[in-house]
Amino acid sequence: MEKLRVCIVVIACVVVSAAAQSASNVTATYHYYNPQKISWDLNAASAYCATWDANRPLAWRRRYGWTAFCGPVGPQDQAACGRCLRVTNSGTGTQATVRIWINAAMEA
């Protein structure tokens, strides 16, 4: 189930924050960070957001699956770190909440 959360390629309606910003027909991809095997350590994952979030409590870091995000709406760069997205797998309808650790624009 956890692998499903982070291993989905989704075309989704993305909800980014309490302001309920959304976008349709957004494609999200994944990189399997395998957080369980690295003890949910953002530094070990070389996460862009580690600078700001690596010292957050373990319970906070492991509550949701990890994802990268660079979308047409919502916060970007450091402002996106630690935010949550609600994503939907267009093939199965399965929904998951994931936390942004790595901003895809910063990986390129």
N, C-alpha and C. Protein backbone atom coordinates (compact mmCIF):
# COMPACT_ATOMS: atom_id res chain seq x y z
N MET A 1 0.82 -1.20 0.00
CA MET A 1 0.00 0.00 0.00
C MET A 1 0.87 1.26 0.00
N GLU A 2 1.91 1.29 0.84
CA GLU A 2 2.79 2.46 0.88
C GLU A 2 3.49 2.66 -0.46
N LYS A 3 3.92 1.55 -1.09
CA LYS A 3 4.57 1.66 -2.39
C LYS A 3 3.60 2.23 -3.41
N LEU A 4 2.33 1.84 -3.32
CA LEU A 4 1.31 2.37 -4.21
C LEU A 4 1.21 3.88 -4.07
N ARG A 5 1.32 4.37 -2.84
CA ARG A 5 1.22 5.81 -2.61
C ARG A 5 2.29 6.60 -3.34
N VAL A 6 3.49 6.08 -3.39
CA VAL A 6 4.58 6.85 -3.98
C VAL A 6 4.95 6.41 -5.38
N CYS A 7 4.40 5.30 -5.84
CA CYS A 7 4.79 4.76 -7.14
C CYS A 7 3.74 4.95 -8.22
N ILE A 8 2.84 5.86 -8.05
CA ILE A 8 1.77 6.06 -9.01
C ILE A 8 2.16 7.18 -9.98
N VAL A 9 1.92 6.94 -11.24
CA VAL A 9 1.98 8.03 -12.19
C VAL A 9 0.53 8.51 -12.30
N VAL A 10 0.30 9.75 -12.00
CA VAL A 10 -1.07 10.22 -11.89
C VAL A 10 -1.37 11.34 -12.85
N ILE A 11 -2.59 11.34 -13.29
CA ILE A 11 -3.17 12.52 -13.92
C ILE A 11 -4.27 12.90 -12.95
N ALA A 12 -4.11 14.04 -12.31
CA ALA A 12 -4.91 14.28 -11.13
C ALA A 12 -5.42 15.70 -11.04
N CYS A 13 -6.37 15.83 -10.20
CA CYS A 13 -6.75 17.14 -9.69
C CYS A 13 -5.91 17.32 -8.44
N VAL A 14 -5.05 18.32 -8.42
CA VAL A 14 -4.09 18.48 -7.35
C VAL A 14 -4.57 19.58 -6.41
N VAL A 15 -4.67 19.26 -5.15
CA VAL A 15 -5.06 20.25 -4.17
C VAL A 15 -3.83 20.60 -3.37
N VAL A 16 -3.44 21.86 -3.41
CA VAL A 16 -2.18 22.28 -2.82
C VAL A 16 -2.40 23.22 -1.66
N SER A 17 -2.86 23.06 -0.59
CA SER A 17 -2.91 23.99 0.52
C SER A 17 -4.33 24.29 0.93
N ALA A 18 -4.44 24.93 2.03
CA ALA A 18 -5.74 25.27 2.57
C ALA A 18 -6.50 26.22 1.65
N ALA A 19 -5.79 26.91 0.79
CA ALA A 19 -6.43 27.81 -0.16
C ALA A 19 -7.12 27.06 -1.28
N ALA A 20 -6.96 25.76 -1.33
CA ALA A 20 -7.63 24.87 -2.29
C ALA A 20 -7.34 25.25 -3.74
N GLN A 21 -6.12 25.56 -4.04
CA GLN A 21 -5.73 25.78 -5.42
C GLN A 21 -5.75 24.43 -6.11
N SER A 22 -6.17 24.39 -7.37
CA SER A 22 -6.23 23.11 -8.05
C SER A 22 -5.90 23.28 -9.53
N ALA A 23 -5.59 22.14 -10.14
CA ALA A 23 -5.33 22.10 -11.57
C ALA A 23 -5.80 20.76 -12.08
N SER A 24 -6.33 20.74 -13.28
CA SER A 24 -6.79 19.50 -13.88
C SER A 24 -5.80 19.04 -14.94
N ASN A 25 -5.85 17.74 -15.24
CA ASN A 25 -4.99 17.16 -16.27
C ASN A 25 -3.51 17.44 -16.02
N VAL A 26 -3.10 17.33 -14.78
CA VAL A 26 -1.71 17.51 -14.40
C VAL A 26 -1.08 16.13 -14.34
N THR A 27 0.08 15.98 -14.91
CA THR A 27 0.79 14.71 -14.85
C THR A 27 1.86 14.79 -13.77
N ALA A 28 1.83 13.87 -12.85
CA ALA A 28 2.86 13.78 -11.81
C ALA A 28 3.62 12.49 -12.02
N THR A 29 4.91 12.53 -11.82
CA THR A 29 5.71 11.33 -11.91
C THR A 29 6.35 11.08 -10.55
N TYR A 30 6.99 9.94 -10.42
CA TYR A 30 7.57 9.61 -9.12
C TYR A 30 9.03 9.22 -9.27
N HIS A 31 9.69 9.34 -8.18
CA HIS A 31 11.00 8.73 -7.98
C HIS A 31 10.86 7.97 -6.69
N TYR A 32 11.16 6.70 -6.68
CA TYR A 32 10.94 5.91 -5.47
C TYR A 32 12.06 6.17 -4.48
N TYR A 33 11.81 7.01 -3.52
CA TYR A 33 12.81 7.41 -2.54
C TYR A 33 13.06 6.34 -1.49
N ASN A 34 12.14 5.36 -1.38
CA ASN A 34 12.30 4.25 -0.44
C ASN A 34 12.57 4.74 0.98
N PRO A 35 11.72 5.61 1.50
CA PRO A 35 11.99 6.23 2.80
C PRO A 35 12.10 5.25 3.96
N GLN A 36 11.39 4.13 3.90
CA GLN A 36 11.47 3.17 4.99
C GLN A 36 12.88 2.62 5.15
N LYS A 37 13.57 2.41 4.04
CA LYS A 37 14.91 1.82 4.08
C LYS A 37 15.99 2.82 4.49
N ILE A 38 15.67 4.10 4.46
CA ILE A 38 16.65 5.11 4.88
C ILE A 38 16.18 5.82 6.14
N SER A 39 15.29 5.17 6.88
CA SER A 39 14.79 5.69 8.17
C SER A 39 14.17 7.08 8.03
N TRP A 40 13.52 7.32 6.90
CA TRP A 40 12.82 8.58 6.65
C TRP A 40 13.77 9.78 6.79
N ASP A 41 15.01 9.59 6.35
CA ASP A 41 16.06 10.60 6.48
C ASP A 41 16.14 11.41 5.19
N LEU A 42 15.73 12.65 5.25
CA LEU A 42 15.74 13.51 4.07
C LEU A 42 17.15 13.79 3.57
N ASN A 43 18.12 13.86 4.47
CA ASN A 43 19.50 14.06 4.04
C ASN A 43 20.01 12.86 3.26
N ALA A 44 19.69 11.66 3.70
CA ALA A 44 20.11 10.45 2.99
C ALA A 44 19.48 10.37 1.60
N ALA A 45 18.30 10.94 1.45
CA ALA A 45 17.61 10.96 0.16
C ALA A 45 18.11 12.09 -0.74
N SER A 46 19.00 12.91 -0.22
CA SER A 46 19.47 14.10 -0.94
C SER A 46 18.30 14.98 -1.36
N ALA A 47 17.34 15.09 -0.48
CA ALA A 47 16.14 15.87 -0.77
C ALA A 47 16.43 17.37 -0.76
N TYR A 48 15.94 18.06 -1.75
CA TYR A 48 16.08 19.51 -1.82
C TYR A 48 15.57 20.15 -0.54
N CYS A 49 14.48 19.64 -0.02
CA CYS A 49 13.83 20.22 1.16
C CYS A 49 14.53 19.87 2.47
N ALA A 50 15.55 19.03 2.44
CA ALA A 50 16.23 18.62 3.67
C ALA A 50 16.78 19.82 4.43
N THR A 51 17.23 20.83 3.72
CA THR A 51 17.77 22.02 4.36
C THR A 51 16.81 22.59 5.39
N TRP A 52 15.53 22.55 5.09
CA TRP A 52 14.53 23.14 5.96
C TRP A 52 13.77 22.12 6.82
N ASP A 53 13.65 20.88 6.35
CA ASP A 53 12.75 19.93 7.01
C ASP A 53 13.41 18.68 7.59
N ALA A 54 14.70 18.50 7.42
CA ALA A 54 15.35 17.26 7.88
C ALA A 54 15.25 17.05 9.39
N ASN A 55 15.15 18.12 10.15
CA ASN A 55 15.09 17.99 11.61
C ASN A 55 13.67 17.97 12.16
N ARG A 56 12.69 17.92 11.29
CA ARG A 56 11.31 17.80 11.77
C ARG A 56 11.14 16.44 12.44
N PRO A 57 10.15 16.30 13.33
CA PRO A 57 9.96 15.02 14.02
C PRO A 57 9.72 13.87 13.04
N LEU A 58 10.21 12.69 13.41
CA LEU A 58 10.06 11.50 12.59
C LEU A 58 8.59 11.25 12.24
N ALA A 59 7.71 11.38 13.20
CA ALA A 59 6.28 11.13 12.94
C ALA A 59 5.77 12.05 11.83
N TRP A 60 6.24 13.27 11.78
CA TRP A 60 5.82 14.22 10.75
C TRP A 60 6.37 13.81 9.39
N ARG A 61 7.64 13.38 9.33
CA ARG A 61 8.28 13.00 8.07
C ARG A 61 7.69 11.73 7.48
N ARG A 62 7.18 10.84 8.32
CA ARG A 62 6.70 9.56 7.80
C ARG A 62 5.19 9.47 7.67
N ARG A 63 4.48 10.52 7.99
CA ARG A 63 3.02 10.46 7.95
C ARG A 63 2.47 10.20 6.55
N TYR A 64 3.08 10.78 5.54
CA TYR A 64 2.62 10.62 4.16
C TYR A 64 3.76 10.12 3.28
N GLY A 65 3.40 9.55 2.12
CA GLY A 65 4.40 9.18 1.14
C GLY A 65 5.13 10.43 0.65
N TRP A 66 6.26 10.23 0.01
CA TRP A 66 7.07 11.35 -0.47
C TRP A 66 6.87 11.55 -1.96
N THR A 67 6.93 12.79 -2.40
CA THR A 67 6.80 13.07 -3.83
C THR A 67 7.61 14.31 -4.21
N ALA A 68 7.86 14.44 -5.48
CA ALA A 68 8.40 15.67 -6.05
C ALA A 68 7.23 16.38 -6.72
N PHE A 69 7.28 17.69 -6.82
CA PHE A 69 6.17 18.41 -7.43
C PHE A 69 6.67 19.72 -8.00
N CYS A 70 6.27 19.98 -9.21
CA CYS A 70 6.50 21.28 -9.84
C CYS A 70 5.27 21.52 -10.69
N GLY A 71 4.28 22.14 -10.12
CA GLY A 71 2.99 22.25 -10.80
C GLY A 71 2.70 23.65 -11.30
N PRO A 72 1.62 23.76 -12.05
CA PRO A 72 1.23 25.05 -12.61
C PRO A 72 0.58 25.97 -11.58
N VAL A 73 0.22 25.44 -10.43
CA VAL A 73 -0.39 26.24 -9.38
C VAL A 73 0.30 25.92 -8.06
N GLY A 74 0.11 26.78 -7.11
CA GLY A 74 0.63 26.51 -5.78
C GLY A 74 2.04 27.01 -5.57
N PRO A 75 2.55 26.78 -4.37
CA PRO A 75 3.88 27.27 -4.02
C PRO A 75 4.97 26.54 -4.78
N GLN A 76 6.10 27.20 -4.93
CA GLN A 76 7.25 26.63 -5.63
C GLN A 76 8.48 26.69 -4.73
N ASP A 77 9.49 25.93 -5.08
CA ASP A 77 10.77 25.93 -4.40
C ASP A 77 10.60 25.71 -2.89
N GLN A 78 11.28 26.49 -2.05
CA GLN A 78 11.23 26.27 -0.60
C GLN A 78 9.81 26.33 -0.06
N ALA A 79 8.98 27.19 -0.62
CA ALA A 79 7.60 27.33 -0.14
C ALA A 79 6.79 26.06 -0.34
N ALA A 80 7.21 25.18 -1.25
CA ALA A 80 6.49 23.92 -1.49
C ALA A 80 6.91 22.82 -0.51
N CYS A 81 8.08 22.95 0.09
CA CYS A 81 8.61 21.90 0.96
C CYS A 81 7.67 21.59 2.12
N GLY A 82 7.39 20.31 2.30
CA GLY A 82 6.55 19.87 3.41
C GLY A 82 5.07 20.00 3.18
N ARG A 83 4.66 20.64 2.10
CA ARG A 83 3.24 20.76 1.79
C ARG A 83 2.71 19.42 1.33
N CYS A 84 1.41 19.25 1.43
CA CYS A 84 0.78 17.99 1.01
C CYS A 84 -0.03 18.18 -0.26
N LEU A 85 -0.10 17.12 -1.04
CA LEU A 85 -0.91 17.06 -2.24
C LEU A 85 -1.86 15.89 -2.11
N ARG A 86 -3.05 16.03 -2.63
CA ARG A 86 -3.99 14.91 -2.75
C ARG A 86 -3.97 14.54 -4.21
N VAL A 87 -3.56 13.32 -4.53
CA VAL A 87 -3.44 12.88 -5.91
C VAL A 87 -4.37 11.71 -6.17
N THR A 88 -4.79 11.58 -7.42
CA THR A 88 -5.69 10.51 -7.84
C THR A 88 -5.08 9.77 -9.02
N ASN A 89 -5.02 8.46 -8.92
CA ASN A 89 -4.57 7.62 -10.02
C ASN A 89 -5.72 7.56 -11.02
N SER A 90 -5.51 8.07 -12.22
CA SER A 90 -6.59 8.12 -13.21
C SER A 90 -7.01 6.74 -13.68
N GLY A 91 -6.14 5.76 -13.56
CA GLY A 91 -6.47 4.40 -14.00
C GLY A 91 -7.33 3.65 -13.01
N THR A 92 -7.06 3.84 -11.71
CA THR A 92 -7.76 3.07 -10.68
C THR A 92 -8.70 3.90 -9.83
N GLY A 93 -8.53 5.20 -9.85
CA GLY A 93 -9.33 6.06 -8.99
C GLY A 93 -8.79 6.13 -7.56
N THR A 94 -7.72 5.41 -7.27
CA THR A 94 -7.13 5.42 -5.94
C THR A 94 -6.58 6.80 -5.63
N GLN A 95 -6.88 7.30 -4.43
CA GLN A 95 -6.37 8.59 -4.00
C GLN A 95 -5.36 8.40 -2.88
N ALA A 96 -4.42 9.31 -2.80
CA ALA A 96 -3.43 9.29 -1.73
C ALA A 96 -3.02 10.72 -1.42
N THR A 97 -2.66 10.95 -0.18
CA THR A 97 -2.07 12.21 0.21
C THR A 97 -0.57 11.99 0.29
N VAL A 98 0.19 12.87 -0.34
CA VAL A 98 1.65 12.76 -0.35
C VAL A 98 2.25 14.10 0.07
N ARG A 99 3.44 14.05 0.64
CA ARG A 99 4.11 15.27 1.08
C ARG A 99 5.24 15.60 0.11
N ILE A 100 5.38 16.89 -0.21
CA ILE A 100 6.41 17.35 -1.14
C ILE A 100 7.74 17.48 -0.39
N TRP A 101 8.74 16.76 -0.87
CA TRP A 101 10.09 16.87 -0.31
C TRP A 101 11.05 17.42 -1.34
N ILE A 102 10.81 17.15 -2.57
CA ILE A 102 11.75 17.55 -3.59
C ILE A 102 10.98 18.26 -4.68
N ASN A 103 11.31 19.47 -4.95
CA ASN A 103 10.66 20.23 -5.99
C ASN A 103 11.29 19.83 -7.31
N ALA A 104 10.50 19.29 -8.22
CA ALA A 104 11.02 18.75 -9.48
C ALA A 104 11.81 19.78 -10.27
N ALA A 105 11.45 21.05 -10.18
CA ALA A 105 12.18 22.08 -10.91
C ALA A 105 13.61 22.20 -10.39
N MET A 106 13.82 21.89 -9.13
CA MET A 106 15.14 21.99 -8.54
C MET A 106 16.02 20.79 -8.89
N GLU A 107 15.40 19.67 -9.31
CA GLU A 107 16.17 18.47 -9.64
C GLU A 107 16.81 18.56 -11.01
N ALA A 108 16.22 19.32 -11.91
CA ALA A 108 16.69 19.37 -13.29
C ALA A 108 18.04 20.03 -13.41
